[in-house]
């Protein structure tokens, strides 16, 4: 059982290492270097945890890697869209002019 988990972990790492450069260069134009590294590392952690606790096949690792990254980016995009909407709403809401309390 332990050897099977080690073999699975080795296959996951091999797939990740084989695809890393391609994934990094694909993500990098849209993200900072730090964000790109964070997305890839988080995806690897997620896949490793999931694959070691299920009976996934080696072929599933690459599909799951792409799917996980896509999902993470979708969440990030939705958050940024919501932030943009909130900022737009704040910019378009008239602000109330402050009063000094003086009566003329």
C-alpha atoms as a PDB file:
ATOM      1  CA  UNK A   1       0.000   0.000   0.000  1.00  0.00           C
ATOM      2  CA  UNK A   2       2.789   2.443   0.909  1.00  0.00           C
ATOM      3  CA  UNK A   3       4.690   1.593  -2.275  1.00  0.00           C
ATOM      4  CA  UNK A   4       1.562   2.158  -4.362  1.00  0.00           C
ATOM      5  CA  UNK A   5       1.147   5.616  -2.829  1.00  0.00           C
ATOM      6  CA  UNK A   6       4.818   6.385  -3.483  1.00  0.00           C
ATOM      7  CA  UNK A   7       4.457   5.218  -7.079  1.00  0.00           C
ATOM      8  CA  UNK A   8       1.369   7.389  -7.517  1.00  0.00           C
ATOM      9  CA  UNK A   9       3.151  10.378  -6.000  1.00  0.00           C
ATOM     10  CA  UNK A  10       6.114   9.811  -8.323  1.00  0.00           C
ATOM     11  CA  UNK A  11       3.811   9.669 -11.362  1.00  0.00           C
ATOM     12  CA  UNK A  12       2.064  12.859 -10.278  1.00  0.00           C
ATOM     13  CA  UNK A  13       5.387  14.652  -9.846  1.00  0.00           C
ATOM     14  CA  UNK A  14       6.649  13.365 -13.212  1.00  0.00           C
ATOM     15  CA  UNK A  15       3.525  14.623 -14.982  1.00  0.00           C
ATOM     16  CA  UNK A  16       3.765  17.960 -13.189  1.00  0.00           C
ATOM     17  CA  UNK A  17       7.450  18.341 -14.054  1.00  0.00           C
ATOM     18  CA  UNK A  18       6.827  17.369 -17.688  1.00  0.00           C
ATOM     19  CA  UNK A  19       4.038  19.943 -18.043  1.00  0.00           C
ATOM     20  CA  UNK A  20       5.415  22.656 -15.775  1.00  0.00           C
ATOM     21  CA  UNK A  21       7.194  24.784 -18.370  1.00  0.00           C
ATOM     22  CA  UNK A  22       4.260  24.682 -20.768  1.00  0.00           C
ATOM     23  CA  UNK A  23       1.776  25.536 -18.028  1.00  0.00           C
ATOM     24  CA  UNK A  24       3.977  28.293 -16.644  1.00  0.00           C
ATOM     25  CA  UNK A  25       4.450  29.968 -20.020  1.00  0.00           C
ATOM     26  CA  UNK A  26       0.713  29.702 -20.708  1.00  0.00           C
ATOM     27  CA  UNK A  27      -0.260  31.318 -17.415  1.00  0.00           C
ATOM     28  CA  UNK A  28       2.527  33.860 -17.106  1.00  0.00           C
ATOM     29  CA  UNK A  29       1.170  36.533 -19.499  1.00  0.00           C
ATOM     30  CA  UNK A  30      -1.975  36.840 -17.369  1.00  0.00           C
ATOM     31  CA  UNK A  31      -0.435  36.529 -13.924  1.00  0.00           C
ATOM     32  CA  UNK A  32       2.624  37.759 -12.082  1.00  0.00           C
ATOM     33  CA  UNK A  33       5.478  35.299 -11.633  1.00  0.00           C
ATOM     34  CA  UNK A  34       4.508  34.856  -7.979  1.00  0.00           C
ATOM     35  CA  UNK A  35       0.822  34.286  -8.808  1.00  0.00           C
ATOM     36  CA  UNK A  36       1.728  31.800 -11.553  1.00  0.00           C
ATOM     37  CA  UNK A  37       3.911  29.826  -9.156  1.00  0.00           C
ATOM     38  CA  UNK A  38       1.179  29.930  -6.508  1.00  0.00           C
ATOM     39  CA  UNK A  39      -1.478  28.609  -8.911  1.00  0.00           C
ATOM     40  CA  UNK A  40       0.743  25.762 -10.089  1.00  0.00           C
ATOM     41  CA  UNK A  41       1.811  24.815  -6.568  1.00  0.00           C
ATOM     42  CA  UNK A  42      -1.763  24.885  -5.272  1.00  0.00           C
ATOM     43  CA  UNK A  43      -2.942  22.772  -8.209  1.00  0.00           C
ATOM     44  CA  UNK A  44      -0.181  20.236  -7.559  1.00  0.00           C
ATOM     45  CA  UNK A  45      -1.088  20.054  -3.869  1.00  0.00           C
ATOM     46  CA  UNK A  46      -4.766  19.579  -4.701  1.00  0.00           C
ATOM     47  CA  UNK A  47      -4.087  16.850  -7.251  1.00  0.00           C
ATOM     48  CA  UNK A  48      -1.627  15.033  -5.028  1.00  0.00           C
ATOM     49  CA  UNK A  49      -4.099  14.981  -2.163  1.00  0.00           C
ATOM     50  CA  UNK A  50      -6.950  13.888  -4.410  1.00  0.00           C
ATOM     51  CA  UNK A  51      -5.024  11.261  -6.370  1.00  0.00           C
ATOM     52  CA  UNK A  52      -3.435   9.666  -3.308  1.00  0.00           C
ATOM     53  CA  UNK A  53      -6.824   9.234  -1.647  1.00  0.00           C
ATOM     54  CA  UNK A  54      -8.654   7.925  -4.740  1.00  0.00           C
ATOM     55  CA  UNK A  55      -8.059   5.293  -7.355  1.00  0.00           C
ATOM     56  CA  UNK A  56      -7.283   7.696 -10.196  1.00  0.00           C
ATOM     57  CA  UNK A  57      -5.152   6.636 -13.123  1.00  0.00           C
ATOM     58  CA  UNK A  58      -1.961   8.269 -14.341  1.00  0.00           C
ATOM     59  CA  UNK A  59      -3.801   9.614 -17.399  1.00  0.00           C
ATOM     60  CA  UNK A  60      -6.218  11.402 -15.127  1.00  0.00           C
ATOM     61  CA  UNK A  61      -3.406  13.389 -13.521  1.00  0.00           C
ATOM     62  CA  UNK A  62      -2.766  15.573 -16.546  1.00  0.00           C
ATOM     63  CA  UNK A  63      -6.485  16.134 -17.153  1.00  0.00           C
ATOM     64  CA  UNK A  64      -6.999  16.918 -13.498  1.00  0.00           C
ATOM     65  CA  UNK A  65      -4.035  19.297 -13.479  1.00  0.00           C
ATOM     66  CA  UNK A  66      -5.496  21.315 -16.347  1.00  0.00           C
ATOM     67  CA  UNK A  67      -9.005  21.155 -14.882  1.00  0.00           C
ATOM     68  CA  UNK A  68      -7.816  22.291 -11.449  1.00  0.00           C
ATOM     69  CA  UNK A  69      -5.883  25.230 -12.873  1.00  0.00           C
ATOM     70  CA  UNK A  70      -8.848  26.232 -15.045  1.00  0.00           C
ATOM     71  CA  UNK A  71     -11.153  26.087 -12.022  1.00  0.00           C
ATOM     72  CA  UNK A  72      -8.776  28.140  -9.882  1.00  0.00           C
ATOM     73  CA  UNK A  73      -8.476  30.788 -12.577  1.00  0.00           C
ATOM     74  CA  UNK A  74     -12.258  30.898 -13.033  1.00  0.00           C
ATOM     75  CA  UNK A  75     -12.685  31.615  -9.329  1.00  0.00           C
ATOM     76  CA  UNK A  76     -10.016  34.319  -9.524  1.00  0.00           C
ATOM     77  CA  UNK A  77     -11.691  35.897 -12.563  1.00  0.00           C
ATOM     78  CA  UNK A  78     -15.104  35.918 -10.857  1.00  0.00           C
ATOM     79  CA  UNK A  79     -13.611  37.608  -7.794  1.00  0.00           C
ATOM     80  CA  UNK A  80     -11.933  40.256  -9.938  1.00  0.00           C
ATOM     81  CA  UNK A  81     -15.155  40.829 -11.892  1.00  0.00           C
ATOM     82  CA  UNK A  82     -17.097  41.277  -8.659  1.00  0.00           C
ATOM     83  CA  UNK A  83     -14.477  43.707  -7.359  1.00  0.00           C
ATOM     84  CA  UNK A  84     -14.675  45.667 -10.630  1.00  0.00           C
ATOM     85  CA  UNK A  85     -18.476  45.786 -10.398  1.00  0.00           C
ATOM     86  CA  UNK A  86     -18.301  47.002  -6.802  1.00  0.00           C
ATOM     87  CA  UNK A  87     -15.764  49.678  -7.691  1.00  0.00           C
ATOM     88  CA  UNK A  88     -17.869  50.806 -10.649  1.00  0.00           C
ATOM     89  CA  UNK A  89     -20.941  51.028  -8.442  1.00  0.00           C
ATOM     90  CA  UNK A  90     -19.038  53.033  -5.846  1.00  0.00           C
ATOM     91  CA  UNK A  91     -17.751  55.410  -8.538  1.00  0.00           C
ATOM     92  CA  UNK A  92     -21.219  55.951  -9.986  1.00  0.00           C
ATOM     93  CA  UNK A  93     -22.942  56.474  -6.618  1.00  0.00           C
ATOM     94  CA  UNK A  94     -23.196  60.207  -5.887  1.00  0.00           C
ATOM     95  CA  UNK A  95     -21.452  61.124  -2.695  1.00  0.00           C
ATOM     96  CA  UNK A  96     -23.238  63.286  -0.217  1.00  0.00           C
ATOM     97  CA  UNK A  97     -21.562  66.630   0.254  1.00  0.00           C
ATOM     98  CA  UNK A  98     -20.510  67.208   3.809  1.00  0.00           C
ATOM     99  CA  UNK A  99     -22.132  70.070   5.660  1.00  0.00           C
ATOM    100  CA  UNK A 100     -20.476  72.340   8.100  1.00  0.00           C
ATOM    101  CA  UNK A 101     -23.551  72.729  10.247  1.00  0.00           C
ATOM    102  CA  UNK A 102     -23.641  76.469   9.594  1.00  0.00           C
ATOM    103  CA  UNK A 103     -27.017  77.997   8.935  1.00  0.00           C
ATOM    104  CA  UNK A 104     -27.143  81.011   6.710  1.00  0.00           C
END
